Every structure is written in structure tokens, then in C-alpha cells.
Amino acid sequence: MTIPMTPYLRNALRLDAAVSAAAGLVMTFGAGLLGPFLELPQPLLFWAGVVIFAWVVLLALVAGREGVSRLILIDIVAGNALWVAASVGILVAGIVTPNTLGVIFVLVQGMAVGLFAALQAAALRSASAAHA
């Protein structure tokens, strides 16, 4: 089902894209500085930043459309939810052992992504209801 792009949904996607782009830049190009400071692996920061750039492109493309598949929007919300789960998971499973600032960094970025997932889910529900 194609859903019309509402201003709320478009803004939620664009805000996610803008914040994600900033995070991607910081993580990709700042991995060498952030890694030792946060006691997080530099390759993890770098490659997470690179992945974020692909995410930004997807968000920008979807936000620029007049109508979008409901399934794509669900995938975007699910992608954000998976990022949150992975962020918490790498800490809980002991995959990384950052210092206190590193834990705060991972949790705060995870919370921000969770907020985007919630905003996008609410916007999707609103757009779906308006379209029905």
C-alpha cells in the first residue's frame, strides 16, 4: 500500500537523516580521536559511520517522495529499532568494554535512534490513518 508523504512523516525522516549524517561524519572521520577517548574500537566507530551514510541516503530518498510504500516505512522503523538493540547488545554482551564516557556515548546515540523510531512509527500511523 502506498502512503502519501505527510509533512510530519517527511520531517521525521529528514530530521533522522540530518542527525544521522552528523553522527556518521563524527564517527567516520573522528574514529581516530573518539576511539581512545571513549575506549571504543576505532574500526567499529569508522564502519558504523560508513553504514550510517547509506542510511542517510535511504532516508533522503524516501523523504523526497510524494508517496511511499508502507513496507519501506516499516523497514525504516525496524532498522532504527535494530540499531538500538545492537547498541545495547554490544554493551550487555561485553562485545565492547568502553569507559564510562563510551557507555554514555553508546546509550545516548541509541536513545536518539529510538526516539527517531518512535517519531517515525507515530508519523506512519498518522499517515496510514489519514489515507484510510
C-alpha atoms as a PDB file:
ATOM      1  CA  MET A   1       0.000   0.000   0.000  1.00  0.00           C
ATOM      2  CA  THR A   2       1.342   3.449  -0.914  1.00  0.00           C
ATOM      3  CA  ILE A   3       1.005   6.113   1.742  1.00  0.00           C
ATOM      4  CA  PRO A   4       1.093   9.827   0.933  1.00  0.00           C
ATOM      5  CA  MET A   5       4.057  11.653   2.418  1.00  0.00           C
ATOM      6  CA  THR A   6       2.680  13.899   5.151  1.00  0.00           C
ATOM      7  CA  PRO A   7       4.675  16.866   6.473  1.00  0.00           C
ATOM      8  CA  TYR A   8       5.040  15.085   9.843  1.00  0.00           C
ATOM      9  CA  LEU A   9       6.443  11.946   8.223  1.00  0.00           C
ATOM     10  CA  ARG A  10       8.705  13.909   5.881  1.00  0.00           C
ATOM     11  CA  ASN A  11      10.069  15.967   8.783  1.00  0.00           C
ATOM     12  CA  ALA A  12      10.670  12.860  10.915  1.00  0.00           C
ATOM     13  CA  LEU A  13      12.642  11.270   8.072  1.00  0.00           C
ATOM     14  CA  ARG A  14      14.592  14.443   7.297  1.00  0.00           C
ATOM     15  CA  LEU A  15      15.470  15.021  10.953  1.00  0.00           C
ATOM     16  CA  ASP A  16      16.713  11.446  11.225  1.00  0.00           C
ATOM     17  CA  ALA A  17      18.757  11.944   8.044  1.00  0.00           C
ATOM     18  CA  ALA A  18      20.298  15.203   9.284  1.00  0.00           C
ATOM     19  CA  VAL A  19      21.234  13.891  12.725  1.00  0.00           C
ATOM     20  CA  SER A  20      22.442  10.609  11.242  1.00  0.00           C
ATOM     21  CA  ALA A  21      24.628  12.475   8.735  1.00  0.00           C
ATOM     22  CA  ALA A  22      26.235  14.436  11.563  1.00  0.00           C
ATOM     23  CA  ALA A  23      26.779  11.248  13.575  1.00  0.00           C
ATOM     24  CA  GLY A  24      28.188   9.490  10.519  1.00  0.00           C
ATOM     25  CA  LEU A  25      30.670  12.286   9.916  1.00  0.00           C
ATOM     26  CA  VAL A  26      31.788  12.341  13.545  1.00  0.00           C
ATOM     27  CA  MET A  27      32.115   8.572  13.765  1.00  0.00           C
ATOM     28  CA  THR A  28      33.811   8.060  10.392  1.00  0.00           C
ATOM     29  CA  PHE A  29      36.236  10.950  10.441  1.00  0.00           C
ATOM     30  CA  GLY A  30      36.622  11.166  14.214  1.00  0.00           C
ATOM     31  CA  ALA A  31      37.142   7.467  14.907  1.00  0.00           C
ATOM     32  CA  GLY A  32      40.849   8.026  15.492  1.00  0.00           C
ATOM     33  CA  LEU A  33      40.145  10.587  18.202  1.00  0.00           C
ATOM     34  CA  LEU A  34      36.954   9.124  19.640  1.00  0.00           C
ATOM     35  CA  GLY A  35      38.177   5.534  19.890  1.00  0.00           C
ATOM     36  CA  PRO A  36      40.860   6.068  22.529  1.00  0.00           C
ATOM     37  CA  PHE A  37      38.841   8.774  24.314  1.00  0.00           C
ATOM     38  CA  LEU A  38      35.757   6.530  24.682  1.00  0.00           C
ATOM     39  CA  GLU A  39      37.688   3.239  24.754  1.00  0.00           C
ATOM     40  CA  LEU A  40      35.638   2.016  21.803  1.00  0.00           C
ATOM     41  CA  PRO A  41      37.265   0.165  18.894  1.00  0.00           C
ATOM     42  CA  GLN A  42      38.195   2.604  16.134  1.00  0.00           C
ATOM     43  CA  PRO A  43      37.110   0.195  13.363  1.00  0.00           C
ATOM     44  CA  LEU A  44      33.675  -0.128  14.989  1.00  0.00           C
ATOM     45  CA  LEU A  45      33.237   3.645  15.040  1.00  0.00           C
ATOM     46  CA  PHE A  46      34.549   4.039  11.490  1.00  0.00           C
ATOM     47  CA  TRP A  47      32.412   1.308   9.917  1.00  0.00           C
ATOM     48  CA  ALA A  48      29.320   2.278  11.892  1.00  0.00           C
ATOM     49  CA  GLY A  49      29.782   5.774  10.469  1.00  0.00           C
ATOM     50  CA  VAL A  50      30.113   4.406   6.935  1.00  0.00           C
ATOM     51  CA  VAL A  51      26.924   2.353   7.341  1.00  0.00           C
ATOM     52  CA  ILE A  52      25.152   5.462   8.592  1.00  0.00           C
ATOM     53  CA  PHE A  53      25.906   7.248   5.299  1.00  0.00           C
ATOM     54  CA  ALA A  54      23.986   4.579   3.374  1.00  0.00           C
ATOM     55  CA  TRP A  55      21.151   5.026   5.876  1.00  0.00           C
ATOM     56  CA  VAL A  56      21.151   8.783   5.273  1.00  0.00           C
ATOM     57  CA  VAL A  57      20.843   8.250   1.513  1.00  0.00           C
ATOM     58  CA  LEU A  58      17.873   5.920   2.027  1.00  0.00           C
ATOM     59  CA  LEU A  59      16.143   8.377   4.366  1.00  0.00           C
ATOM     60  CA  ALA A  60      16.716  11.294   1.995  1.00  0.00           C
ATOM     61  CA  LEU A  61      15.374   9.353  -0.989  1.00  0.00           C
ATOM     62  CA  VAL A  62      12.255   8.243   0.881  1.00  0.00           C
ATOM     63  CA  ALA A  63      11.640  11.713   2.360  1.00  0.00           C
ATOM     64  CA  GLY A  64      11.779  13.222  -1.126  1.00  0.00           C
ATOM     65  CA  ARG A  65       8.936  11.107  -2.488  1.00  0.00           C
ATOM     66  CA  GLU A  66       5.285  12.154  -2.623  1.00  0.00           C
ATOM     67  CA  GLY A  67       4.098   8.660  -1.774  1.00  0.00           C
ATOM     68  CA  VAL A  68       5.943   5.742  -0.255  1.00  0.00           C
ATOM     69  CA  SER A  69       5.321   2.065   0.364  1.00  0.00           C
ATOM     70  CA  ARG A  70       4.094   1.337   3.870  1.00  0.00           C
ATOM     71  CA  LEU A  71       6.518  -1.609   3.945  1.00  0.00           C
ATOM     72  CA  ILE A  72       9.520   0.659   3.332  1.00  0.00           C
ATOM     73  CA  LEU A  73       8.442   2.860   6.225  1.00  0.00           C
ATOM     74  CA  ILE A  74       8.033  -0.171   8.464  1.00  0.00           C
ATOM     75  CA  ASP A  75      11.526  -1.271   7.407  1.00  0.00           C
ATOM     76  CA  ILE A  76      12.923   2.137   8.385  1.00  0.00           C
ATOM     77  CA  VAL A  77      11.322   1.939  11.829  1.00  0.00           C
ATOM     78  CA  ALA A  78      12.591  -1.647  12.200  1.00  0.00           C
ATOM     79  CA  GLY A  79      16.091  -0.603  11.090  1.00  0.00           C
ATOM     80  CA  ASN A  80      16.195   2.049  13.774  1.00  0.00           C
ATOM     81  CA  ALA A  81      14.891  -0.428  16.365  1.00  0.00           C
ATOM     82  CA  LEU A  82      17.598  -2.926  15.367  1.00  0.00           C
ATOM     83  CA  TRP A  83      20.261  -0.223  15.747  1.00  0.00           C
ATOM     84  CA  VAL A  84      19.009   0.434  19.286  1.00  0.00           C
ATOM     85  CA  ALA A  85      19.059  -3.289  20.101  1.00  0.00           C
ATOM     86  CA  ALA A  86      22.578  -3.641  18.681  1.00  0.00           C
ATOM     87  CA  SER A  87      23.785  -0.613  20.638  1.00  0.00           C
ATOM     88  CA  VAL A  88      22.542  -2.059  23.918  1.00  0.00           C
ATOM     89  CA  GLY A  89      23.550  -5.572  22.905  1.00  0.00           C
ATOM     90  CA  ILE A  90      27.223  -4.794  22.319  1.00  0.00           C
ATOM     91  CA  LEU A  91      27.400  -3.382  25.848  1.00  0.00           C
ATOM     92  CA  VAL A  92      25.393  -6.101  27.604  1.00  0.00           C
ATOM     93  CA  ALA A  93      27.177  -8.935  25.779  1.00  0.00           C
ATOM     94  CA  GLY A  94      30.573  -7.424  26.548  1.00  0.00           C
ATOM     95  CA  ILE A  95      31.484  -7.179  22.867  1.00  0.00           C
ATOM     96  CA  VAL A  96      32.958  -3.780  23.695  1.00  0.00           C
ATOM     97  CA  THR A  97      34.178  -2.556  27.069  1.00  0.00           C
ATOM     98  CA  PRO A  98      34.202   1.224  26.835  1.00  0.00           C
ATOM     99  CA  ASN A  99      34.883   3.583  29.686  1.00  0.00           C
ATOM    100  CA  THR A 100      32.030   5.499  31.318  1.00  0.00           C
ATOM    101  CA  LEU A 101      32.026   8.147  28.581  1.00  0.00           C
ATOM    102  CA  GLY A 102      31.947   5.417  25.953  1.00  0.00           C
ATOM    103  CA  VAL A 103      28.974   3.747  27.628  1.00  0.00           C
ATOM    104  CA  ILE A 104      27.207   7.111  27.756  1.00  0.00           C
ATOM    105  CA  PHE A 105      28.027   7.712  24.072  1.00  0.00           C
ATOM    106  CA  VAL A 106      26.621   4.342  23.005  1.00  0.00           C
ATOM    107  CA  LEU A 107      23.496   4.684  25.150  1.00  0.00           C
ATOM    108  CA  VAL A 108      22.753   8.299  24.186  1.00  0.00           C
ATOM    109  CA  GLN A 109      23.068   7.634  20.459  1.00  0.00           C
ATOM    110  CA  GLY A 110      20.901   4.544  20.944  1.00  0.00           C
ATOM    111  CA  MET A 111      18.270   6.605  22.749  1.00  0.00           C
ATOM    112  CA  ALA A 112      18.326   9.196  19.958  1.00  0.00           C
ATOM    113  CA  VAL A 113      17.795   6.474  17.361  1.00  0.00           C
ATOM    114  CA  GLY A 114      14.986   5.051  19.493  1.00  0.00           C
ATOM    115  CA  LEU A 115      13.360   8.474  19.520  1.00  0.00           C
ATOM    116  CA  PHE A 116      13.526   8.586  15.714  1.00  0.00           C
ATOM    117  CA  ALA A 117      11.948   5.125  15.538  1.00  0.00           C
ATOM    118  CA  ALA A 118       9.113   6.299  17.789  1.00  0.00           C
ATOM    119  CA  LEU A 119       8.606   9.517  15.798  1.00  0.00           C
ATOM    120  CA  GLN A 120       8.589   7.640  12.510  1.00  0.00           C
ATOM    121  CA  ALA A 121       6.207   4.976  13.838  1.00  0.00           C
ATOM    122  CA  ALA A 122       3.811   7.682  15.048  1.00  0.00           C
ATOM    123  CA  ALA A 123       4.082   9.501  11.714  1.00  0.00           C
ATOM    124  CA  LEU A 124       3.436   6.236   9.860  1.00  0.00           C
ATOM    125  CA  ARG A 125       0.333   5.537  11.952  1.00  0.00           C
ATOM    126  CA  SER A 126      -0.892   9.084  11.391  1.00  0.00           C
ATOM    127  CA  ALA A 127      -0.297   8.934   7.631  1.00  0.00           C
ATOM    128  CA  SER A 128      -1.921   5.491   7.400  1.00  0.00           C
ATOM    129  CA  ALA A 129      -4.992   6.678   9.304  1.00  0.00           C
ATOM    130  CA  ALA A 130      -5.305   9.779   7.126  1.00  0.00           C
ATOM    131  CA  HIS A 131      -5.037   7.627   3.993  1.00  0.00           C
ATOM    132  CA  ALA A 132      -7.611   5.026   5.124  1.00  0.00           C
END
